[in-house]
Amino acid sequence: MKRLDLVKHLHKEGCTLVREGASHSVFFNAITRRVSTVPRHAEINNHLAQKICRDLGIKKSLKK
């Protein structure tokens, strides 16, 4: 899945960008009070995208 699609999904589900690291972006979900990192690759493995959604406590993105 494209990184941009995942980031759009995270924002749509209420997650906010906390900070940008050297190779990762850190997102926070205020509702569930969970944090997860998103790597800065153009393509993100679908299993990793599912794990990021699960870590943040949001519904899984179904886009491939």
C-alpha atoms as a PDB file:
ATOM      1  CA  MET A   1       0.000   0.000   0.000  1.00  0.00           C
ATOM      2  CA  LYS A   2       1.177   3.536  -0.645  1.00  0.00           C
ATOM      3  CA  ARG A   3       2.376   5.416   2.431  1.00  0.00           C
ATOM      4  CA  LEU A   4       0.238   8.422   1.515  1.00  0.00           C
ATOM      5  CA  ASP A   5      -2.915   6.249   1.467  1.00  0.00           C
ATOM      6  CA  LEU A   6      -2.106   4.902   4.928  1.00  0.00           C
ATOM      7  CA  VAL A   7      -1.457   8.390   6.319  1.00  0.00           C
ATOM      8  CA  LYS A   8      -4.788   9.614   4.875  1.00  0.00           C
ATOM      9  CA  HIS A   9      -6.542   6.651   6.510  1.00  0.00           C
ATOM     10  CA  LEU A  10      -4.904   7.437   9.869  1.00  0.00           C
ATOM     11  CA  HIS A  11      -6.014  11.081   9.704  1.00  0.00           C
ATOM     12  CA  LYS A  12      -9.526  10.031   8.677  1.00  0.00           C
ATOM     13  CA  GLU A  13      -9.715   7.785  11.757  1.00  0.00           C
ATOM     14  CA  GLY A  14      -8.711  10.644  14.072  1.00  0.00           C
ATOM     15  CA  CYS A  15      -4.979  10.039  14.481  1.00  0.00           C
ATOM     16  CA  THR A  16      -2.612  12.985  14.574  1.00  0.00           C
ATOM     17  CA  LEU A  17       1.017  13.340  13.590  1.00  0.00           C
ATOM     18  CA  VAL A  18       3.105  13.869  16.714  1.00  0.00           C
ATOM     19  CA  ARG A  19       6.550  14.228  15.212  1.00  0.00           C
ATOM     20  CA  GLU A  20       8.792  13.329  12.300  1.00  0.00           C
ATOM     21  CA  GLY A  21      11.883  11.269  13.021  1.00  0.00           C
ATOM     22  CA  ALA A  22      14.783  10.532  10.700  1.00  0.00           C
ATOM     23  CA  SER A  23      13.116   7.496   9.128  1.00  0.00           C
ATOM     24  CA  HIS A  24       9.683   7.256  10.793  1.00  0.00           C
ATOM     25  CA  SER A  25       6.633   9.395  11.530  1.00  0.00           C
ATOM     26  CA  VAL A  26       4.961   9.025  14.931  1.00  0.00           C
ATOM     27  CA  PHE A  27       1.157   9.044  15.070  1.00  0.00           C
ATOM     28  CA  PHE A  28      -1.078   9.320  18.154  1.00  0.00           C
ATOM     29  CA  ASN A  29      -4.721   8.354  18.592  1.00  0.00           C
ATOM     30  CA  ALA A  30      -6.238  10.579  21.290  1.00  0.00           C
ATOM     31  CA  ILE A  31      -9.322   8.372  21.685  1.00  0.00           C
ATOM     32  CA  THR A  32      -7.445   5.161  22.479  1.00  0.00           C
ATOM     33  CA  ARG A  33      -4.319   6.989  23.759  1.00  0.00           C
ATOM     34  CA  ARG A  34      -2.071   4.755  21.640  1.00  0.00           C
ATOM     35  CA  VAL A  35       1.041   5.579  19.625  1.00  0.00           C
ATOM     36  CA  SER A  36       2.564   3.924  16.566  1.00  0.00           C
ATOM     37  CA  THR A  37       5.302   4.688  14.062  1.00  0.00           C
ATOM     38  CA  VAL A  38       4.978   4.711  10.276  1.00  0.00           C
ATOM     39  CA  PRO A  39       8.134   4.185   8.207  1.00  0.00           C
ATOM     40  CA  ARG A  40       8.926   6.705   5.497  1.00  0.00           C
ATOM     41  CA  HIS A  41       8.989   4.282   2.577  1.00  0.00           C
ATOM     42  CA  ALA A  42       6.996   4.895  -0.599  1.00  0.00           C
ATOM     43  CA  GLU A  43       5.392   1.448  -0.250  1.00  0.00           C
ATOM     44  CA  ILE A  44       4.391  -0.129   3.059  1.00  0.00           C
ATOM     45  CA  ASN A  45       3.746  -3.855   3.340  1.00  0.00           C
ATOM     46  CA  ASN A  46       0.034  -4.596   3.850  1.00  0.00           C
ATOM     47  CA  HIS A  47       0.753  -6.658   6.968  1.00  0.00           C
ATOM     48  CA  LEU A  48       2.667  -3.744   8.493  1.00  0.00           C
ATOM     49  CA  ALA A  49      -0.182  -1.352   7.631  1.00  0.00           C
ATOM     50  CA  GLN A  50      -2.623  -3.689   9.401  1.00  0.00           C
ATOM     51  CA  LYS A  51      -0.334  -3.835  12.445  1.00  0.00           C
ATOM     52  CA  ILE A  52      -0.074  -0.039  12.599  1.00  0.00           C
ATOM     53  CA  CYS A  53      -3.881   0.235  12.539  1.00  0.00           C
ATOM     54  CA  ARG A  54      -4.182  -2.434  15.219  1.00  0.00           C
ATOM     55  CA  ASP A  55      -1.563  -0.682  17.382  1.00  0.00           C
ATOM     56  CA  LEU A  56      -3.511   2.581  17.139  1.00  0.00           C
ATOM     57  CA  GLY A  57      -6.830   0.843  17.870  1.00  0.00           C
ATOM     58  CA  ILE A  58      -8.548   1.843  14.625  1.00  0.00           C
ATOM     59  CA  LYS A  59     -10.276  -0.136  11.900  1.00  0.00           C
ATOM     60  CA  LYS A  60      -7.985  -1.750   9.402  1.00  0.00           C
ATOM     61  CA  SER A  61      -7.419  -0.113   6.052  1.00  0.00           C
ATOM     62  CA  LEU A  62      -8.721  -2.354   3.278  1.00  0.00           C
ATOM     63  CA  LYS A  63      -7.017  -0.598   0.372  1.00  0.00           C
ATOM     64  CA  LYS A  64      -4.315  -2.615  -1.324  1.00  0.00           C
END
